[in-house]
Amino acid sequence: MDDFTTLSADILKILGQPTRLKIIDFLRDGERCVCEIFPAIGEEQSNTSRHLNLMVSAGVLLRRKEGVKIFYAVKYPEILEIVELANQIITNEITGRHSLLKVA
């Protein structure tokens, strides 16, 4: 595998985790403080912070500190597009399976 393929796989692995998808969905409308993120997604602060740090390291999120508060935002709008495409595939798959069940 070349480096580009490996890096692509790394981004998809980072996105392929439910807590991280919840975080990305919560950040869809823009930058938010970590103090808002963990209660909104229903996770512990320590667990949320771990996921946030992984996503910053992978280049998926941006982090900004203002006083004692730390803010996070999606770094590239394409990340939201990837998640939306996955949701469309799931919707199509569910619809297709539902149609097959009606025929049977």
Protein backbone atom coordinates (compact mmCIF):
# COMPACT_ATOMS: atom_id res chain seq x y z
CA MET A 1 0.00 0.00 0.00
CA ASP A 2 1.25 3.46 -0.78
CA ASP A 3 1.34 6.32 1.74
CA PHE A 4 -1.75 8.01 0.29
CA THR A 5 -3.84 4.85 0.66
CA THR A 6 -2.60 4.39 4.22
CA LEU A 7 -3.49 7.98 5.13
CA SER A 8 -6.94 7.58 3.54
CA ALA A 9 -7.51 4.45 5.59
CA ASP A 10 -6.42 6.30 8.74
CA ILE A 11 -9.01 9.05 8.15
CA LEU A 12 -11.75 6.49 7.55
CA LYS A 13 -10.73 4.59 10.72
CA ILE A 14 -10.94 7.81 12.73
CA LEU A 15 -14.45 8.42 11.36
CA GLY A 16 -15.49 4.80 11.83
CA GLN A 17 -16.32 5.05 15.52
CA PRO A 18 -19.78 5.95 16.93
CA THR A 19 -18.62 8.48 19.55
CA ARG A 20 -16.53 10.31 16.97
CA LEU A 21 -19.45 10.40 14.54
CA LYS A 22 -21.61 11.91 17.29
CA ILE A 23 -18.96 14.57 17.86
CA ILE A 24 -18.74 15.39 14.16
CA ASP A 25 -22.51 15.60 13.90
CA PHE A 26 -22.61 17.96 16.90
CA LEU A 27 -19.93 20.15 15.30
CA ARG A 28 -21.85 20.28 12.00
CA ASP A 29 -23.10 23.80 12.70
CA GLY A 30 -19.73 25.17 13.76
CA GLU A 31 -17.22 25.49 16.55
CA ARG A 32 -18.23 24.36 20.05
CA CYS A 33 -16.63 24.29 23.48
CA VAL A 34 -15.69 20.91 24.91
CA CYS A 35 -17.92 21.85 27.85
CA GLU A 36 -20.87 21.69 25.40
CA ILE A 37 -19.74 18.63 23.46
CA PHE A 38 -19.58 15.88 26.08
CA PRO A 39 -23.04 16.52 27.60
CA ALA A 40 -24.60 16.85 24.13
CA ILE A 41 -23.30 13.47 22.96
CA GLY A 42 -23.95 11.72 26.28
CA GLU A 43 -20.36 10.68 26.98
CA GLU A 44 -17.97 11.20 29.89
CA GLN A 45 -15.66 14.20 29.59
CA SER A 46 -12.49 12.07 29.74
CA ASN A 47 -13.71 9.74 27.00
CA THR A 48 -14.84 12.67 24.85
CA SER A 49 -11.50 14.44 25.30
CA ARG A 50 -9.65 11.31 24.22
CA HIS A 51 -11.68 11.11 21.01
CA LEU A 52 -11.29 14.84 20.36
CA ASN A 53 -7.51 14.56 20.73
CA LEU A 54 -7.38 11.63 18.30
CA MET A 55 -9.38 13.57 15.73
CA VAL A 56 -7.17 16.66 16.12
CA SER A 57 -4.06 14.49 15.67
CA ALA A 58 -5.56 12.92 12.55
CA GLY A 59 -6.32 16.32 11.03
CA VAL A 60 -10.10 15.93 11.22
CA LEU A 61 -10.72 18.67 13.83
CA LEU A 62 -9.26 22.04 14.74
CA ARG A 63 -8.67 23.03 18.38
CA ARG A 64 -8.58 26.59 19.74
CA LYS A 65 -8.09 27.75 23.31
CA GLU A 66 -9.76 30.89 24.62
CA GLY A 67 -8.95 31.53 28.27
CA VAL A 68 -9.77 28.30 30.07
CA LYS A 69 -12.16 27.07 27.40
CA ILE A 70 -11.15 24.79 24.54
CA PHE A 71 -13.12 24.95 21.30
CA TYR A 72 -13.29 22.38 18.52
CA ALA A 73 -14.42 22.60 14.91
CA VAL A 74 -14.44 20.35 11.86
CA LYS A 75 -11.26 21.17 9.94
CA TYR A 76 -12.48 20.33 6.44
CA PRO A 77 -16.11 20.54 5.24
CA GLU A 78 -15.39 17.40 3.18
CA ILE A 79 -15.46 15.44 6.46
CA LEU A 80 -19.15 16.33 6.77
CA GLU A 81 -19.68 15.25 3.16
CA ILE A 82 -18.09 11.84 3.87
CA VAL A 83 -20.43 11.32 6.82
CA GLU A 84 -23.43 12.46 4.77
CA LEU A 85 -22.51 10.05 1.95
CA ALA A 86 -22.28 7.19 4.46
CA ASN A 87 -25.74 8.14 5.77
CA GLN A 88 -27.12 8.14 2.21
CA ILE A 89 -25.66 4.68 1.56
CA ILE A 90 -27.24 3.38 4.77
CA THR A 91 -30.61 4.90 3.85
CA ASN A 92 -30.45 3.36 0.37
CA GLU A 93 -29.48 -0.02 1.79
CA ILE A 94 -32.31 0.02 4.33
CA THR A 95 -34.80 1.11 1.67
CA GLY A 96 -33.60 -1.62 -0.68
CA ARG A 97 -33.87 -4.31 1.97
CA HIS A 98 -37.31 -3.09 2.97
CA SER A 99 -38.43 -3.31 -0.66
CA LEU A 100 -37.11 -6.87 -0.92
CA LEU A 101 -39.01 -7.89 2.21
CA LYS A 102 -42.27 -6.51 0.77
CA VAL A 103 -41.82 -8.59 -2.39
CA ALA A 104 -41.13 -11.83 -0.51
